[in-house]
Full PDB file with SEQRES, HELIX, SHEET, SSBOND, CRYST1, ORIGX, SCALE, CONECT and MASTER records, all heavy atoms in Angstrom:
SEQRES   1 A   30  ALA ALA SER ARG LEU THR ASN ASN ILE HIS ALA MET GLY          
SEQRES   2 A   30  TRP PHE ARG GLN ALA PRO GLY LYS GLU ARG GLU PHE VAL          
SEQRES   3 A   30  ALA ALA ILE VAL                                              
SHEET    1 AA1 2 MET A  12  ARG A  16  0                                        
SHEET    2 AA1 2 GLU A  24  ILE A  29 -1                                        
CRYST1    1.000    1.000    1.000  90.00  90.00  90.00 P 1           1          
ORIGX1      1.000000  0.000000  0.000000        0.00000                         
ORIGX2      0.000000  1.000000  0.000000        0.00000                         
ORIGX3      0.000000  0.000000  1.000000        0.00000                         
SCALE1      1.000000  0.000000  0.000000        0.00000                         
SCALE2      0.000000  1.000000  0.000000        0.00000                         
SCALE3      0.000000  0.000000  1.000000        0.00000                         
ATOM      1  N   ALA A   1      56.693 115.765 118.849  1.00  0.00           N  
ATOM      2  CA  ALA A   1      56.644 116.973 118.040  1.00  0.00           C  
ATOM      3  C   ALA A   1      57.994 117.204 117.376  1.00  0.00           C  
ATOM      4  O   ALA A   1      59.022 117.248 118.052  1.00  0.00           O  
ATOM      5  CB  ALA A   1      56.263 118.173 118.896  1.00  0.00           C  
ATOM      6  N   ALA A   2      57.981 117.342 116.064  1.00  0.00           N  
ATOM      7  CA  ALA A   2      59.194 117.599 115.304  1.00  0.00           C  
ATOM      8  C   ALA A   2      59.301 119.079 114.985  1.00  0.00           C  
ATOM      9  O   ALA A   2      58.317 119.716 114.616  1.00  0.00           O  
ATOM     10  CB  ALA A   2      59.197 116.783 114.019  1.00  0.00           C  
ATOM     11  N   SER A   3      60.499 119.616 115.130  1.00  0.00           N  
ATOM     12  CA  SER A   3      60.714 121.027 114.816  1.00  0.00           C  
ATOM     13  C   SER A   3      60.417 121.306 113.353  1.00  0.00           C  
ATOM     14  O   SER A   3      59.832 122.325 113.009  1.00  0.00           O  
ATOM     15  CB  SER A   3      62.145 121.438 115.164  1.00  0.00           C  
ATOM     16  OG  SER A   3      63.082 120.677 114.421  1.00  0.00           O  
ATOM     17  N   ARG A   4      60.821 120.368 112.507  1.00  0.00           N  
ATOM     18  CA  ARG A   4      60.584 120.468 111.072  1.00  0.00           C  
ATOM     19  C   ARG A   4      60.945 119.144 110.423  1.00  0.00           C  
ATOM     20  O   ARG A   4      61.977 118.554 110.747  1.00  0.00           O  
ATOM     21  CB  ARG A   4      61.411 121.598 110.453  1.00  0.00           C  
ATOM     22  CG  ARG A   4      61.231 121.772 108.961  1.00  0.00           C  
ATOM     23  CD  ARG A   4      62.006 122.969 108.465  1.00  0.00           C  
ATOM     24  NE  ARG A   4      63.431 122.845 108.734  1.00  0.00           N  
ATOM     25  CZ  ARG A   4      64.321 123.807 108.535  1.00  0.00           C  
ATOM     26  NH1 ARG A   4      63.922 124.979 108.064  1.00  0.00           N  
ATOM     27  NH2 ARG A   4      65.594 123.603 108.814  1.00  0.00           N  
ATOM     28  N   LEU A   5      60.089 118.699 109.531  1.00  0.00           N  
ATOM     29  CA  LEU A   5      60.361 117.492 108.771  1.00  0.00           C  
ATOM     30  C   LEU A   5      60.922 117.901 107.419  1.00  0.00           C  
ATOM     31  O   LEU A   5      60.216 118.462 106.582  1.00  0.00           O  
ATOM     32  CB  LEU A   5      59.107 116.648 108.603  1.00  0.00           C  
ATOM     33  CG  LEU A   5      58.523 116.054 109.880  1.00  0.00           C  
ATOM     34  CD1 LEU A   5      57.271 115.250 109.570  1.00  0.00           C  
ATOM     35  CD2 LEU A   5      59.552 115.190 110.591  1.00  0.00           C  
ATOM     36  N   THR A   6      62.193 117.628 107.218  1.00  0.00           N  
ATOM     37  CA  THR A   6      62.839 117.966 105.964  1.00  0.00           C  
ATOM     38  C   THR A   6      62.440 116.977 104.877  1.00  0.00           C  
ATOM     39  O   THR A   6      61.828 115.937 105.135  1.00  0.00           O  
ATOM     40  CB  THR A   6      64.361 117.985 106.118  1.00  0.00           C  
ATOM     41  OG1 THR A   6      64.833 116.649 106.307  1.00  0.00           O  
ATOM     42  CG2 THR A   6      64.776 118.834 107.306  1.00  0.00           C  
ATOM     43  N   ASN A   7      62.814 117.296 103.654  1.00  0.00           N  
ATOM     44  CA  ASN A   7      62.516 116.404 102.531  1.00  0.00           C  
ATOM     45  C   ASN A   7      63.253 115.077 102.632  1.00  0.00           C  
ATOM     46  O   ASN A   7      62.874 114.111 101.969  1.00  0.00           O  
ATOM     47  CB  ASN A   7      62.861 117.087 101.214  1.00  0.00           C  
ATOM     48  CG  ASN A   7      61.943 118.246 100.892  1.00  0.00           C  
ATOM     49  OD1 ASN A   7      60.804 118.302 101.346  1.00  0.00           O  
ATOM     50  ND2 ASN A   7      62.434 119.182 100.086  1.00  0.00           N  
ATOM     51  N   ASN A   8      64.297 115.025 103.445  1.00  0.00           N  
ATOM     52  CA  ASN A   8      65.058 113.792 103.612  1.00  0.00           C  
ATOM     53  C   ASN A   8      64.408 112.809 104.571  1.00  0.00           C  
ATOM     54  O   ASN A   8      64.796 111.642 104.612  1.00  0.00           O  
ATOM     55  CB  ASN A   8      66.474 114.100 104.091  1.00  0.00           C  
ATOM     56  CG  ASN A   8      67.301 114.812 103.041  1.00  0.00           C  
ATOM     57  OD1 ASN A   8      67.088 114.633 101.850  1.00  0.00           O  
ATOM     58  ND2 ASN A   8      68.258 115.618 103.494  1.00  0.00           N  
ATOM     59  N   ILE A   9      63.442 113.264 105.373  1.00  0.00           N  
ATOM     60  CA  ILE A   9      62.781 112.409 106.345  1.00  0.00           C  
ATOM     61  C   ILE A   9      61.578 111.746 105.698  1.00  0.00           C  
ATOM     62  O   ILE A   9      60.619 112.409 105.313  1.00  0.00           O  
ATOM     63  CB  ILE A   9      62.364 113.199 107.590  1.00  0.00           C  
ATOM     64  CG1 ILE A   9      63.600 113.791 108.270  1.00  0.00           C  
ATOM     65  CG2 ILE A   9      61.591 112.305 108.552  1.00  0.00           C  
ATOM     66  CD1 ILE A   9      64.594 112.747 108.725  1.00  0.00           C  
ATOM     67  N   HIS A  10      61.608 110.412 105.615  1.00  0.00           N  
ATOM     68  CA  HIS A  10      60.532 109.654 104.991  1.00  0.00           C  
ATOM     69  C   HIS A  10      59.704 108.847 105.974  1.00  0.00           C  
ATOM     70  O   HIS A  10      58.626 108.365 105.613  1.00  0.00           O  
ATOM     71  CB  HIS A  10      61.087 108.724 103.916  1.00  0.00           C  
ATOM     72  CG  HIS A  10      61.737 109.438 102.765  1.00  0.00           C  
ATOM     73  ND1 HIS A  10      61.090 110.402 102.043  1.00  0.00           N  
ATOM     74  CD2 HIS A  10      62.970 109.314 102.229  1.00  0.00           C  
ATOM     75  CE1 HIS A  10      61.893 110.857 101.096  1.00  0.00           C  
ATOM     76  NE2 HIS A  10      63.040 110.212 101.189  1.00  0.00           N  
ATOM     77  N   ALA A  11      60.188 108.696 107.205  1.00  0.00           N  
ATOM     78  CA  ALA A  11      59.459 107.916 108.188  1.00  0.00           C  
ATOM     79  C   ALA A  11      59.810 108.370 109.600  1.00  0.00           C  
ATOM     80  O   ALA A  11      60.894 108.912 109.842  1.00  0.00           O  
ATOM     81  CB  ALA A  11      59.760 106.429 108.034  1.00  0.00           C  
ATOM     82  N   MET A  12      58.883 108.151 110.507  1.00  0.00           N  
ATOM     83  CA  MET A  12      59.099 108.400 111.922  1.00  0.00           C  
ATOM     84  C   MET A  12      58.605 107.199 112.707  1.00  0.00           C  
ATOM     85  O   MET A  12      57.820 106.395 112.197  1.00  0.00           O  
ATOM     86  CB  MET A  12      58.377 109.672 112.376  1.00  0.00           C  
ATOM     87  CG  MET A  12      58.867 110.932 111.691  1.00  0.00           C  
ATOM     88  SD  MET A  12      58.033 112.434 112.266  1.00  0.00           S  
ATOM     89  CE  MET A  12      58.602 112.500 113.969  1.00  0.00           C  
ATOM     90  N   GLY A  13      59.067 107.084 113.939  1.00  0.00           N  
ATOM     91  CA  GLY A  13      58.664 105.930 114.712  1.00  0.00           C  
ATOM     92  C   GLY A  13      59.026 106.038 116.173  1.00  0.00           C  
ATOM     93  O   GLY A  13      59.313 107.133 116.682  1.00  0.00           O  
ATOM     94  N   TRP A  14      58.981 104.884 116.829  1.00  0.00           N  
ATOM     95  CA  TRP A  14      59.230 104.802 118.260  1.00  0.00           C  
ATOM     96  C   TRP A  14      60.089 103.599 118.591  1.00  0.00           C  
ATOM     97  O   TRP A  14      59.897 102.507 118.046  1.00  0.00           O  
ATOM     98  CB  TRP A  14      57.913 104.689 119.038  1.00  0.00           C  
ATOM     99  CG  TRP A  14      57.026 105.886 118.920  1.00  0.00           C  
ATOM    100  CD1 TRP A  14      56.107 106.127 117.951  1.00  0.00           C  
ATOM    101  CD2 TRP A  14      56.977 107.003 119.808  1.00  0.00           C  
ATOM    102  NE1 TRP A  14      55.484 107.329 118.174  1.00  0.00           N  
ATOM    103  CE2 TRP A  14      55.997 107.887 119.306  1.00  0.00           C  
ATOM    104  CE3 TRP A  14      57.661 107.339 120.975  1.00  0.00           C  
ATOM    105  CZ2 TRP A  14      55.689 109.091 119.943  1.00  0.00           C  
ATOM    106  CZ3 TRP A  14      57.356 108.530 121.602  1.00  0.00           C  
ATOM    107  CH2 TRP A  14      56.384 109.385 121.089  1.00  0.00           C  
ATOM    108  N   PHE A  15      61.059 103.805 119.471  1.00  0.00           N  
ATOM    109  CA  PHE A  15      61.807 102.749 120.122  1.00  0.00           C  
ATOM    110  C   PHE A  15      61.516 102.830 121.613  1.00  0.00           C  
ATOM    111  O   PHE A  15      60.951 103.824 122.091  1.00  0.00           O  
ATOM    112  CB  PHE A  15      63.317 102.905 119.888  1.00  0.00           C  
ATOM    113  CG  PHE A  15      63.824 102.281 118.619  1.00  0.00           C  
ATOM    114  CD1 PHE A  15      63.390 102.720 117.382  1.00  0.00           C  
ATOM    115  CD2 PHE A  15      64.760 101.263 118.672  1.00  0.00           C  
ATOM    116  CE1 PHE A  15      63.865 102.154 116.212  1.00  0.00           C  
ATOM    117  CE2 PHE A  15      65.257 100.685 117.505  1.00  0.00           C  
ATOM    118  CZ  PHE A  15      64.805 101.132 116.276  1.00  0.00           C  
ATOM    119  N   ARG A  16      61.914 101.793 122.346  1.00  0.00           N  
ATOM    120  CA  ARG A  16      61.799 101.840 123.789  1.00  0.00           C  
ATOM    121  C   ARG A  16      62.954 101.072 124.413  1.00  0.00           C  
ATOM    122  O   ARG A  16      63.540 100.186 123.800  1.00  0.00           O  
ATOM    123  CB  ARG A  16      60.463 101.272 124.273  1.00  0.00           C  
ATOM    124  CG  ARG A  16      60.300  99.768 124.070  1.00  0.00           C  
ATOM    125  CD  ARG A  16      58.921  99.312 124.518  1.00  0.00           C  
ATOM    126  NE  ARG A  16      58.751  97.871 124.368  1.00  0.00           N  
ATOM    127  CZ  ARG A  16      57.614  97.224 124.603  1.00  0.00           C  
ATOM    128  NH1 ARG A  16      56.534  97.897 125.003  1.00  0.00           N  
ATOM    129  NH2 ARG A  16      57.549  95.905 124.439  1.00  0.00           N  
ATOM    130  N   GLN A  17      63.271 101.424 125.656  1.00  0.00           N  
ATOM    131  CA  GLN A  17      64.307 100.729 126.398  1.00  0.00           C  
ATOM    132  C   GLN A  17      63.828 100.500 127.823  1.00  0.00           C  
ATOM    133  O   GLN A  17      63.629 101.450 128.581  1.00  0.00           O  
ATOM    134  CB  GLN A  17      65.616 101.517 126.397  1.00  0.00           C  
ATOM    135  CG  GLN A  17      66.774 100.762 127.024  1.00  0.00           C  
ATOM    136  CD  GLN A  17      68.120 101.399 126.730  1.00  0.00           C  
ATOM    137  OE1 GLN A  17      68.208 102.582 126.446  1.00  0.00           O  
ATOM    138  NE2 GLN A  17      69.174 100.597 126.779  1.00  0.00           N  
ATOM    139  N   ALA A  18      63.644  99.237 128.169  1.00  0.00           N  
ATOM    140  CA  ALA A  18      63.222  98.854 129.498  1.00  0.00           C  
ATOM    141  C   ALA A  18      64.435  98.732 130.405  1.00  0.00           C  
ATOM    142  O   ALA A  18      65.559  98.528 129.928  1.00  0.00           O  
ATOM    143  CB  ALA A  18      62.456  97.534 129.451  1.00  0.00           C  
ATOM    144  N   PRO A  19      64.241  98.828 131.720  1.00  0.00           N  
ATOM    145  CA  PRO A  19      65.359  98.699 132.650  1.00  0.00           C  
ATOM    146  C   PRO A  19      66.108  97.385 132.461  1.00  0.00           C  
ATOM    147  O   PRO A  19      65.501  96.314 132.440  1.00  0.00           O  
ATOM    148  CB  PRO A  19      64.689  98.761 134.020  1.00  0.00           C  
ATOM    149  CG  PRO A  19      63.423  99.526 133.786  1.00  0.00           C  
ATOM    150  CD  PRO A  19      62.974  99.119 132.412  1.00  0.00           C  
ATOM    151  N   GLY A  20      67.419  97.465 132.306  1.00  0.00           N  
ATOM    152  CA  GLY A  20      68.244  96.287 132.161  1.00  0.00           C  
ATOM    153  C   GLY A  20      68.169  95.609 130.810  1.00  0.00           C  
ATOM    154  O   GLY A  20      68.752  94.531 130.636  1.00  0.00           O  
ATOM    155  N   LYS A  21      67.480  96.204 129.842  1.00  0.00           N  
ATOM    156  CA  LYS A  21      67.335  95.603 128.529  1.00  0.00           C  
ATOM    157  C   LYS A  21      67.860  96.534 127.445  1.00  0.00           C  
ATOM    158  O   LYS A  21      68.038  97.732 127.657  1.00  0.00           O  
ATOM    159  CB  LYS A  21      65.874  95.256 128.248  1.00  0.00           C  
ATOM    160  CG  LYS A  21      65.281  94.218 129.189  1.00  0.00           C  
ATOM    161  CD  LYS A  21      63.866  93.862 128.781  1.00  0.00           C  
ATOM    162  CE  LYS A  21      63.278  92.799 129.691  1.00  0.00           C  
ATOM    163  NZ  LYS A  21      61.892  92.450 129.287  1.00  0.00           N  
ATOM    164  N   GLU A  22      68.103  95.954 126.272  1.00  0.00           N  
ATOM    165  CA  GLU A  22      68.555  96.739 125.136  1.00  0.00           C  
ATOM    166  C   GLU A  22      67.395  97.504 124.514  1.00  0.00           C  
ATOM    167  O   GLU A  22      66.233  97.120 124.635  1.00  0.00           O  
ATOM    168  CB  GLU A  22      69.207  95.832 124.088  1.00  0.00           C  
ATOM    169  CG  GLU A  22      70.471  95.146 124.566  1.00  0.00           C  
ATOM    170  CD  GLU A  22      71.119  94.316 123.477  1.00  0.00           C  
ATOM    171  OE1 GLU A  22      70.502  94.134 122.408  1.00  0.00           O  
ATOM    172  OE2 GLU A  22      72.247  93.852 123.693  1.00  0.00           O  
ATOM    173  N   ARG A  23      67.727  98.585 123.853  1.00  0.00           N  
ATOM    174  CA  ARG A  23      66.729  99.374 123.159  1.00  0.00           C  
ATOM    175  C   ARG A  23      66.136  98.558 122.015  1.00  0.00           C  
ATOM    176  O   ARG A  23      66.858  97.883 121.266  1.00  0.00           O  
ATOM    177  CB  ARG A  23      67.353 100.664 122.645  1.00  0.00           C  
ATOM    178  CG  ARG A  23      66.365 101.709 122.193  1.00  0.00           C  
ATOM    179  CD  ARG A  23      67.059 103.040 121.943  1.00  0.00           C  
ATOM    180  NE  ARG A  23      67.646 103.584 123.157  1.00  0.00           N  
ATOM    181  CZ  ARG A  23      68.222 104.777 123.241  1.00  0.00           C  
ATOM    182  NH1 ARG A  23      68.283 105.557 122.169  1.00  0.00           N  
ATOM    183  NH2 ARG A  23      68.738 105.189 124.387  1.00  0.00           N  
ATOM    184  N   GLU A  24      64.806  98.617 121.847  1.00  0.00           N  
ATOM    185  CA  GLU A  24      64.140  97.831 120.831  1.00  0.00           C  
ATOM    186  C   GLU A  24      63.136  98.657 120.044  1.00  0.00           C  
ATOM    187  O   GLU A  24      62.550  99.620 120.550  1.00  0.00           O  
ATOM    188  CB  GLU A  24      63.428  96.622 121.463  1.00  0.00           C  
ATOM    189  CG  GLU A  24      62.291  96.995 122.399  1.00  0.00           C  
ATOM    190  CD  GLU A  24      61.552  95.790 122.947  1.00  0.00           C  
ATOM    191  OE1 GLU A  24      61.817  94.664 122.494  1.00  0.00           O  
ATOM    192  OE2 GLU A  24      60.696  95.978 123.839  1.00  0.00           O  
ATOM    193  N   PHE A  25      62.929  98.248 118.808  1.00  0.00           N  
ATOM    194  CA  PHE A  25      61.970  98.897 117.932  1.00  0.00           C  
ATOM    195  C   PHE A  25      60.547  98.634 118.401  1.00  0.00           C  
ATOM    196  O   PHE A  25      60.224  97.535 118.851  1.00  0.00           O  
ATOM    197  CB  PHE A  25      62.146  98.384 116.503  1.00  0.00           C  
ATOM    198  CG  PHE A  25      61.024  98.762 115.580  1.00  0.00           C  
ATOM    199  CD1 PHE A  25      60.923 100.052 115.084  1.00  0.00           C  
ATOM    200  CD2 PHE A  25      60.075  97.829 115.214  1.00  0.00           C  
ATOM    201  CE1 PHE A  25      59.886 100.409 114.237  1.00  0.00           C  
ATOM    202  CE2 PHE A  25      59.039  98.167 114.365  1.00  0.00           C  
ATOM    203  CZ  PHE A  25      58.945  99.467 113.879  1.00  0.00           C  
ATOM    204  N   VAL A  26      59.683  99.648 118.272  1.00  0.00           N  
ATOM    205  CA  VAL A  26      58.284  99.523 118.671  1.00  0.00           C  
ATOM    206  C   VAL A  26      57.348  99.678 117.475  1.00  0.00           C  
ATOM    207  O   VAL A  26      56.536  98.804 117.191  1.00  0.00           O  
ATOM    208  CB  VAL A  26      57.911 100.555 119.744  1.00  0.00           C  
ATOM    209  CG1 VAL A  26      56.420 100.481 120.071  1.00  0.00           C  
ATOM    210  CG2 VAL A  26      58.744 100.333 120.998  1.00  0.00           C  
ATOM    211  N   ALA A  27      57.441 100.807 116.767  1.00  0.00           N  
ATOM    212  CA  ALA A  27      56.529 101.079 115.662  1.00  0.00           C  
ATOM    213  C   ALA A  27      57.105 102.159 114.771  1.00  0.00           C  
ATOM    214  O   ALA A  27      57.942 102.957 115.197  1.00  0.00           O  
ATOM    215  CB  ALA A  27      55.147 101.503 116.179  1.00  0.00           C  
ATOM    216  N   ALA A  28      56.637 102.205 113.522  1.00  0.00           N  
ATOM    217  CA  ALA A  28      57.069 103.233 112.579  1.00  0.00           C  
ATOM    218  C   ALA A  28      55.962 103.526 111.586  1.00  0.00           C  
ATOM    219  O   ALA A  28      55.098 102.684 111.333  1.00  0.00           O  
ATOM    220  CB  ALA A  28      58.334 102.799 111.840  1.00  0.00           C  
ATOM    221  N   ILE A  29      56.000 104.721 111.013  1.00  0.00           N  
ATOM    222  CA  ILE A  29      55.016 105.147 110.027  1.00  0.00           C  
ATOM    223  C   ILE A  29      55.694 106.043 109.012  1.00  0.00           C  
ATOM    224  O   ILE A  29      56.559 106.845 109.359  1.00  0.00           O  
ATOM    225  CB  ILE A  29      53.822 105.863 110.704  1.00  0.00           C  
ATOM    226  CG1 ILE A  29      52.713 106.161 109.697  1.00  0.00           C  
ATOM    227  CG2 ILE A  29      54.288 107.142 111.392  1.00  0.00           C  
ATOM    228  CD1 ILE A  29      51.425 106.638 110.345  1.00  0.00           C  
ATOM    229  N   VAL A  30      55.314 105.918 107.747  1.00  0.00           N  
ATOM    230  CA  VAL A  30      55.861 106.799 106.725  1.00  0.00           C  
ATOM    231  C   VAL A  30      55.219 108.174 106.846  1.00  0.00           C  
ATOM    232  O   VAL A  30      54.069 108.313 107.265  1.00  0.00           O  
ATOM    233  CB  VAL A  30      55.647 106.229 105.309  1.00  0.00           C  
ATOM    234  CG1 VAL A  30      56.398 104.922 105.133  1.00  0.00           C  
ATOM    235  CG2 VAL A  30      54.169 106.028 105.009  1.00  0.00           C  
TER     236      VAL A  30                                                      
MASTER        0    0    0    0    2    0    0    6  235    1    0    3          
END                                                                             
C-alpha cells in the first residue's frame, strides 16, 4: 500500500533478500 503515488512515480515492484544472499529483483509493473 502506497501513501500516495506522485506524478514522478512511473513504476512499482518487488525485490527480495534471502538469508545470506544479496537483495535481488523479483518483479515490476508500470
